Amino acid sequence: MNDKKISIITIVSMILSLLLITIGLSFAYFTANITNTEESTTINVTGGVMTIHYDSEGQEINAPNIEPSDDPFG
């Protein structure tokens, strides 16, 4: 009985694995084909202007505890 239960679990696991692999591969194939429609006229890249004003009295810039962030500071 125990060997039969292990074989059923193994077969079900293999079928589920095969099903997941098939779904993943077909999704990857169709996604790659759909996103391959870019042309040189559909891509727009623009740049911005960044102005920096240093309001200090010396030659050095002091920015203690600075960390990367999307929020403005100062």
PDB file of N, CA and C in Angstrom:
ATOM      1  N   MET A   1       0.819  -1.193   0.000  1.00  0.00           N
ATOM      2  CA  MET A   1       0.000   0.000   0.000  1.00  0.00           C
ATOM      3  C   MET A   1       0.861   1.253   0.000  1.00  0.00           C
ATOM      4  N   ASN A   2       1.945   1.233   0.770  1.00  0.00           N
ATOM      5  CA  ASN A   2       2.808   2.396   0.877  1.00  0.00           C
ATOM      6  C   ASN A   2       3.534   2.668  -0.437  1.00  0.00           C
ATOM      7  N   ASP A   3       3.989   1.597  -1.128  1.00  0.00           N
ATOM      8  CA  ASP A   3       4.659   1.762  -2.415  1.00  0.00           C
ATOM      9  C   ASP A   3       3.698   2.292  -3.469  1.00  0.00           C
ATOM     10  N   LYS A   4       2.448   1.846  -3.422  1.00  0.00           N
ATOM     11  CA  LYS A   4       1.452   2.301  -4.385  1.00  0.00           C
ATOM     12  C   LYS A   4       1.157   3.791  -4.174  1.00  0.00           C
ATOM     13  N   LYS A   5       1.109   4.222  -2.914  1.00  0.00           N
ATOM     14  CA  LYS A   5       0.840   5.622  -2.605  1.00  0.00           C
ATOM     15  C   LYS A   5       1.990   6.510  -3.088  1.00  0.00           C
ATOM     16  N   ILE A   6       3.230   6.048  -2.916  1.00  0.00           N
ATOM     17  CA  ILE A   6       4.395   6.815  -3.368  1.00  0.00           C
ATOM     18  C   ILE A   6       4.398   6.922  -4.883  1.00  0.00           C
ATOM     19  N   SER A   7       4.037   5.814  -5.600  1.00  0.00           N
ATOM     20  CA  SER A   7       4.010   5.890  -7.050  1.00  0.00           C
ATOM     21  C   SER A   7       2.926   6.806  -7.566  1.00  0.00           C
ATOM     22  N   ILE A   8       1.780   6.865  -6.918  1.00  0.00           N
ATOM     23  CA  ILE A   8       0.715   7.787  -7.337  1.00  0.00           C
ATOM     24  C   ILE A   8       1.171   9.231  -7.132  1.00  0.00           C
ATOM     25  N   ILE A   9       1.804   9.499  -6.006  1.00  0.00           N
ATOM     26  CA  ILE A   9       2.299  10.858  -5.739  1.00  0.00           C
ATOM     27  C   ILE A   9       3.367  11.243  -6.761  1.00  0.00           C
ATOM     28  N   THR A  10       4.236  10.305  -7.115  1.00  0.00           N
ATOM     29  CA  THR A  10       5.280  10.572  -8.104  1.00  0.00           C
ATOM     30  C   THR A  10       4.680  10.861  -9.472  1.00  0.00           C
ATOM     31  N   ILE A  11       3.709  10.070  -9.890  1.00  0.00           N
ATOM     32  CA  ILE A  11       3.077  10.269 -11.199  1.00  0.00           C
ATOM     33  C   ILE A  11       2.341  11.602 -11.248  1.00  0.00           C
ATOM     34  N   VAL A  12       1.599  11.932 -10.202  1.00  0.00           N
ATOM     35  CA  VAL A  12       0.874  13.207 -10.164  1.00  0.00           C
ATOM     36  C   VAL A  12       1.858  14.376 -10.185  1.00  0.00           C
ATOM     37  N   SER A  13       2.957  14.262  -9.455  1.00  0.00           N
ATOM     38  CA  SER A  13       3.973  15.321  -9.441  1.00  0.00           C
ATOM     39  C   SER A  13       4.601  15.507 -10.813  1.00  0.00           C
ATOM     40  N   MET A  14       4.880  14.410 -11.508  1.00  0.00           N
ATOM     41  CA  MET A  14       5.468  14.501 -12.843  1.00  0.00           C
ATOM     42  C   MET A  14       4.498  15.136 -13.830  1.00  0.00           C
ATOM     43  N   ILE A  15       3.219  14.782 -13.752  1.00  0.00           N
ATOM     44  CA  ILE A  15       2.218  15.361 -14.654  1.00  0.00           C
ATOM     45  C   ILE A  15       2.081  16.860 -14.397  1.00  0.00           C
ATOM     46  N   LEU A  16       2.026  17.261 -13.124  1.00  0.00           N
ATOM     47  CA  LEU A  16       1.930  18.687 -12.799  1.00  0.00           C
ATOM     48  C   LEU A  16       3.173  19.447 -13.256  1.00  0.00           C
ATOM     49  N   SER A  17       4.343  18.846 -13.084  1.00  0.00           N
ATOM     50  CA  SER A  17       5.579  19.491 -13.533  1.00  0.00           C
ATOM     51  C   SER A  17       5.583  19.673 -15.040  1.00  0.00           C
ATOM     52  N   LEU A  18       5.186  18.647 -15.774  1.00  0.00           N
ATOM     53  CA  LEU A  18       5.124  18.729 -17.230  1.00  0.00           C
ATOM     54  C   LEU A  18       4.121  19.785 -17.676  1.00  0.00           C
ATOM     55  N   LEU A  19       2.988  19.866 -17.004  1.00  0.00           N
ATOM     56  CA  LEU A  19       1.978  20.869 -17.327  1.00  0.00           C
ATOM     57  C   LEU A  19       2.511  22.280 -17.085  1.00  0.00           C
ATOM     58  N   LEU A  20       3.174  22.499 -15.962  1.00  0.00           N
ATOM     59  CA  LEU A  20       3.730  23.822 -15.666  1.00  0.00           C
ATOM     60  C   LEU A  20       4.831  24.212 -16.645  1.00  0.00           C
ATOM     61  N   ILE A  21       5.671  23.261 -17.022  1.00  0.00           N
ATOM     62  CA  ILE A  21       6.725  23.543 -17.999  1.00  0.00           C
ATOM     63  C   ILE A  21       6.118  23.904 -19.345  1.00  0.00           C
ATOM     64  N   THR A  22       5.093  23.178 -19.772  1.00  0.00           N
ATOM     65  CA  THR A  22       4.431  23.461 -21.045  1.00  0.00           C
ATOM     66  C   THR A  22       3.794  24.841 -21.037  1.00  0.00           C
ATOM     67  N   ILE A  23       3.106  25.190 -19.968  1.00  0.00           N
ATOM     68  CA  ILE A  23       2.475  26.510 -19.873  1.00  0.00           C
ATOM     69  C   ILE A  23       3.540  27.607 -19.868  1.00  0.00           C
ATOM     70  N   GLY A  24       4.609  27.423 -19.125  1.00  0.00           N
ATOM     71  CA  GLY A  24       5.679  28.421 -19.070  1.00  0.00           C
ATOM     72  C   GLY A  24       6.354  28.627 -20.407  1.00  0.00           C
ATOM     73  N   LEU A  25       6.640  27.546 -21.120  1.00  0.00           N
ATOM     74  CA  LEU A  25       7.288  27.669 -22.426  1.00  0.00           C
ATOM     75  C   LEU A  25       6.380  28.327 -23.456  1.00  0.00           C
ATOM     76  N   SER A  26       5.101  27.977 -23.464  1.00  0.00           N
ATOM     77  CA  SER A  26       4.198  28.597 -24.436  1.00  0.00           C
ATOM     78  C   SER A  26       3.996  30.073 -24.117  1.00  0.00           C
ATOM     79  N   PHE A  27       3.925  30.437 -22.841  1.00  0.00           N
ATOM     80  CA  PHE A  27       3.802  31.846 -22.468  1.00  0.00           C
ATOM     81  C   PHE A  27       5.035  32.628 -22.908  1.00  0.00           C
ATOM     82  N   ALA A  28       6.222  32.068 -22.693  1.00  0.00           N
ATOM     83  CA  ALA A  28       7.456  32.742 -23.088  1.00  0.00           C
ATOM     84  C   ALA A  28       7.530  32.891 -24.607  1.00  0.00           C
ATOM     85  N   TYR A  29       7.109  31.887 -25.346  1.00  0.00           N
ATOM     86  CA  TYR A  29       7.151  31.950 -26.806  1.00  0.00           C
ATOM     87  C   TYR A  29       6.236  33.040 -27.337  1.00  0.00           C
ATOM     88  N   PHE A  30       4.997  33.073 -26.881  1.00  0.00           N
ATOM     89  CA  PHE A  30       4.055  34.055 -27.396  1.00  0.00           C
ATOM     90  C   PHE A  30       4.373  35.463 -26.906  1.00  0.00           C
ATOM     91  N   THR A  31       4.916  35.607 -25.725  1.00  0.00           N
ATOM     92  CA  THR A  31       5.312  36.930 -25.247  1.00  0.00           C
ATOM     93  C   THR A  31       6.460  37.473 -26.077  1.00  0.00           C
ATOM     94  N   ALA A  32       7.421  36.643 -26.417  1.00  0.00           N
ATOM     95  CA  ALA A  32       8.556  37.090 -27.223  1.00  0.00           C
ATOM     96  C   ALA A  32       8.099  37.500 -28.614  1.00  0.00           C
ATOM     97  N   ASN A  33       7.127  36.823 -29.178  1.00  0.00           N
ATOM     98  CA  ASN A  33       6.649  37.185 -30.506  1.00  0.00           C
ATOM     99  C   ASN A  33       5.827  38.470 -30.497  1.00  0.00           C
ATOM    100  N   ILE A  34       5.066  38.706 -29.456  1.00  0.00           N
ATOM    101  CA  ILE A  34       4.226  39.900 -29.403  1.00  0.00           C
ATOM    102  C   ILE A  34       5.078  41.148 -29.187  1.00  0.00           C
ATOM    103  N   THR A  35       6.093  41.095 -28.347  1.00  0.00           N
ATOM    104  CA  THR A  35       6.886  42.282 -28.046  1.00  0.00           C
ATOM    105  C   THR A  35       7.928  42.586 -29.111  1.00  0.00           C
ATOM    106  N   ASN A  36       8.031  41.789 -30.132  1.00  0.00           N
ATOM    107  CA  ASN A  36       9.023  42.012 -31.173  1.00  0.00           C
ATOM    108  C   ASN A  36       8.457  42.859 -32.306  1.00  0.00           C
ATOM    109  N   THR A  37       7.646  43.876 -31.986  1.00  0.00           N
ATOM    110  CA  THR A  37       7.031  44.705 -33.021  1.00  0.00           C
ATOM    111  C   THR A  37       7.559  46.131 -33.010  1.00  0.00           C
ATOM    112  N   GLU A  38       8.675  46.390 -32.354  1.00  0.00           N
ATOM    113  CA  GLU A  38       9.221  47.740 -32.291  1.00  0.00           C
ATOM    114  C   GLU A  38       9.889  48.105 -33.613  1.00  0.00           C
ATOM    115  N   GLU A  39       9.736  49.370 -33.978  1.00  0.00           N
ATOM    116  CA  GLU A  39      10.418  49.922 -35.145  1.00  0.00           C
ATOM    117  C   GLU A  39      11.154  51.169 -34.703  1.00  0.00           C
ATOM    118  N   SER A  40      11.968  51.716 -35.589  1.00  0.00           N
ATOM    119  CA  SER A  40      12.724  52.907 -35.204  1.00  0.00           C
ATOM    120  C   SER A  40      11.819  54.111 -34.983  1.00  0.00           C
ATOM    121  N   THR A  41      10.622  54.099 -35.548  1.00  0.00           N
ATOM    122  CA  THR A  41       9.718  55.239 -35.361  1.00  0.00           C
ATOM    123  C   THR A  41       8.846  55.103 -34.126  1.00  0.00           C
ATOM    124  N   THR A  42       8.850  53.946 -33.465  1.00  0.00           N
ATOM    125  CA  THR A  42       8.006  53.776 -32.284  1.00  0.00           C
ATOM    126  C   THR A  42       8.767  53.990 -30.987  1.00  0.00           C
ATOM    127  N   ILE A  43      10.054  54.266 -31.072  1.00  0.00           N
ATOM    128  CA  ILE A  43      10.859  54.461 -29.870  1.00  0.00           C
ATOM    129  C   ILE A  43      11.231  55.931 -29.770  1.00  0.00           C
ATOM    130  N   ASN A  44      10.814  56.581 -28.682  1.00  0.00           N
ATOM    131  CA  ASN A  44      11.139  57.986 -28.453  1.00  0.00           C
ATOM    132  C   ASN A  44      11.944  58.110 -27.170  1.00  0.00           C
ATOM    133  N   VAL A  45      13.069  58.772 -27.270  1.00  0.00           N
ATOM    134  CA  VAL A  45      13.902  59.011 -26.102  1.00  0.00           C
ATOM    135  C   VAL A  45      14.144  60.507 -26.008  1.00  0.00           C
ATOM    136  N   THR A  46      13.851  61.082 -24.832  1.00  0.00           N
ATOM    137  CA  THR A  46      14.109  62.507 -24.635  1.00  0.00           C
ATOM    138  C   THR A  46      14.923  62.688 -23.370  1.00  0.00           C
ATOM    139  N   GLY A  47      15.649  63.764 -23.331  1.00  0.00           N
ATOM    140  CA  GLY A  47      16.459  64.070 -22.155  1.00  0.00           C
ATOM    141  C   GLY A  47      15.954  65.324 -21.482  1.00  0.00           C
ATOM    142  N   GLY A  48      16.204  65.425 -20.217  1.00  0.00           N
ATOM    143  CA  GLY A  48      15.784  66.593 -19.458  1.00  0.00           C
ATOM    144  C   GLY A  48      16.952  67.523 -19.200  1.00  0.00           C
ATOM    145  N   VAL A  49      16.658  68.627 -18.553  1.00  0.00           N
ATOM    146  CA  VAL A  49      17.669  69.606 -18.185  1.00  0.00           C
ATOM    147  C   VAL A  49      17.781  69.619 -16.668  1.00  0.00           C
ATOM    148  N   MET A  50      18.998  69.537 -16.182  1.00  0.00           N
ATOM    149  CA  MET A  50      19.224  69.545 -14.741  1.00  0.00           C
ATOM    150  C   MET A  50      20.078  70.753 -14.392  1.00  0.00           C
ATOM    151  N   THR A  51      19.567  71.587 -13.523  1.00  0.00           N
ATOM    152  CA  THR A  51      20.296  72.765 -13.081  1.00  0.00           C
ATOM    153  C   THR A  51      20.710  72.568 -11.628  1.00  0.00           C
ATOM    154  N   ILE A  52      21.983  72.779 -11.354  1.00  0.00           N
ATOM    155  CA  ILE A  52      22.497  72.626  -9.999  1.00  0.00           C
ATOM    156  C   ILE A  52      23.012  73.983  -9.532  1.00  0.00           C
ATOM    157  N   HIS A  53      22.547  74.404  -8.380  1.00  0.00           N
ATOM    158  CA  HIS A  53      23.000  75.664  -7.782  1.00  0.00           C
ATOM    159  C   HIS A  53      23.696  75.339  -6.466  1.00  0.00           C
ATOM    160  N   TYR A  54      24.978  75.674  -6.397  1.00  0.00           N
ATOM    161  CA  TYR A  54      25.751  75.443  -5.182  1.00  0.00           C
ATOM    162  C   TYR A  54      25.723  76.718  -4.348  1.00  0.00           C
ATOM    163  N   ASP A  55      25.157  76.642  -3.161  1.00  0.00           N
ATOM    164  CA  ASP A  55      25.046  77.805  -2.284  1.00  0.00           C
ATOM    165  C   ASP A  55      25.939  77.597  -1.064  1.00  0.00           C
ATOM    166  N   SER A  56      27.225  77.574  -1.301  1.00  0.00           N
ATOM    167  CA  SER A  56      28.156  77.391  -0.192  1.00  0.00           C
ATOM    168  C   SER A  56      29.266  78.424  -0.304  1.00  0.00           C
ATOM    169  N   GLU A  57      29.987  78.589   0.774  1.00  0.00           N
ATOM    170  CA  GLU A  57      31.028  79.607   0.809  1.00  0.00           C
ATOM    171  C   GLU A  57      32.406  79.048   0.480  1.00  0.00           C
ATOM    172  N   GLY A  58      32.558  77.747   0.471  1.00  0.00           N
ATOM    173  CA  GLY A  58      33.881  77.168   0.262  1.00  0.00           C
ATOM    174  C   GLY A  58      33.973  76.393  -1.038  1.00  0.00           C
ATOM    175  N   GLN A  59      35.057  75.638  -1.151  1.00  0.00           N
ATOM    176  CA  GLN A  59      35.328  74.848  -2.340  1.00  0.00           C
ATOM    177  C   GLN A  59      34.705  73.456  -2.277  1.00  0.00           C
ATOM    178  N   GLU A  60      34.127  73.078  -1.159  1.00  0.00           N
ATOM    179  CA  GLU A  60      33.641  71.711  -0.997  1.00  0.00           C
ATOM    180  C   GLU A  60      32.120  71.670  -0.867  1.00  0.00           C
ATOM    181  N   ILE A  61      31.571  70.522  -1.182  1.00  0.00           N
ATOM    182  CA  ILE A  61      30.136  70.277  -1.060  1.00  0.00           C
ATOM    183  C   ILE A  61      29.943  69.355   0.132  1.00  0.00           C
ATOM    184  N   ASN A  62      29.096  69.742   1.061  1.00  0.00           N
ATOM    185  CA  ASN A  62      28.861  68.957   2.264  1.00  0.00           C
ATOM    186  C   ASN A  62      27.435  68.411   2.220  1.00  0.00           C
ATOM    187  N   ALA A  63      27.295  67.105   2.138  1.00  0.00           N
ATOM    188  CA  ALA A  63      25.978  66.460   2.111  1.00  0.00           C
ATOM    189  C   ALA A  63      26.008  65.255   3.046  1.00  0.00           C
ATOM    190  N   PRO A  64      25.877  65.482   4.360  1.00  0.00           N
ATOM    191  CA  PRO A  64      25.929  64.356   5.298  1.00  0.00           C
ATOM    192  C   PRO A  64      24.659  63.508   5.240  1.00  0.00           C
ATOM    193  N   ASN A  65      24.810  62.237   5.499  1.00  0.00           N
ATOM    194  CA  ASN A  65      23.693  61.277   5.545  1.00  0.00           C
ATOM    195  C   ASN A  65      22.872  61.255   4.262  1.00  0.00           C
ATOM    196  N   ILE A  66      23.499  61.409   3.123  1.00  0.00           N
ATOM    197  CA  ILE A  66      22.772  61.393   1.851  1.00  0.00           C
ATOM    198  C   ILE A  66      22.573  59.939   1.418  1.00  0.00           C
ATOM    199  N   GLU A  67      21.394  59.642   0.904  1.00  0.00           N
ATOM    200  CA  GLU A  67      21.049  58.306   0.436  1.00  0.00           C
ATOM    201  C   GLU A  67      20.289  58.422  -0.877  1.00  0.00           C
ATOM    202  N   PRO A  68      20.373  57.431  -1.757  1.00  0.00           N
ATOM    203  CA  PRO A  68      19.582  57.462  -2.991  1.00  0.00           C
ATOM    204  C   PRO A  68      18.088  57.434  -2.672  1.00  0.00           C
ATOM    205  N   SER A  69      17.326  58.283  -3.348  1.00  0.00           N
ATOM    206  CA  SER A  69      15.890  58.357  -3.093  1.00  0.00           C
ATOM    207  C   SER A  69      15.203  59.046  -4.260  1.00  0.00           C
ATOM    208  N   ASP A  70      13.917  58.789  -4.427  1.00  0.00           N
ATOM    209  CA  ASP A  70      13.128  59.484  -5.439  1.00  0.00           C
ATOM    210  C   ASP A  70      12.561  60.796  -4.914  1.00  0.00           C
ATOM    211  N   ASP A  71      12.660  61.016  -3.612  1.00  0.00           N
ATOM    212  CA  ASP A  71      12.106  62.222  -3.007  1.00  0.00           C
ATOM    213  C   ASP A  71      13.120  63.360  -3.052  1.00  0.00           C
ATOM    214  N   PRO A  72      12.662  64.584  -3.319  1.00  0.00           N
ATOM    215  CA  PRO A  72      13.586  65.730  -3.305  1.00  0.00           C
ATOM    216  C   PRO A  72      13.984  66.085  -1.876  1.00  0.00           C
ATOM    217  N   PHE A  73      15.122  66.685  -1.741  1.00  0.00           N
ATOM    218  CA  PHE A  73      15.562  67.136  -0.423  1.00  0.00           C
ATOM    219  C   PHE A  73      16.182  68.518  -0.576  1.00  0.00           C
ATOM    220  N   GLY A  74      16.428  69.146   0.517  1.00  0.00           N
ATOM    221  CA  GLY A  74      17.142  70.413   0.475  1.00  0.00           C
ATOM    222  C   GLY A  74      16.368  71.529   0.877  1.00  0.00           C
TER     223      GLY A  74
END
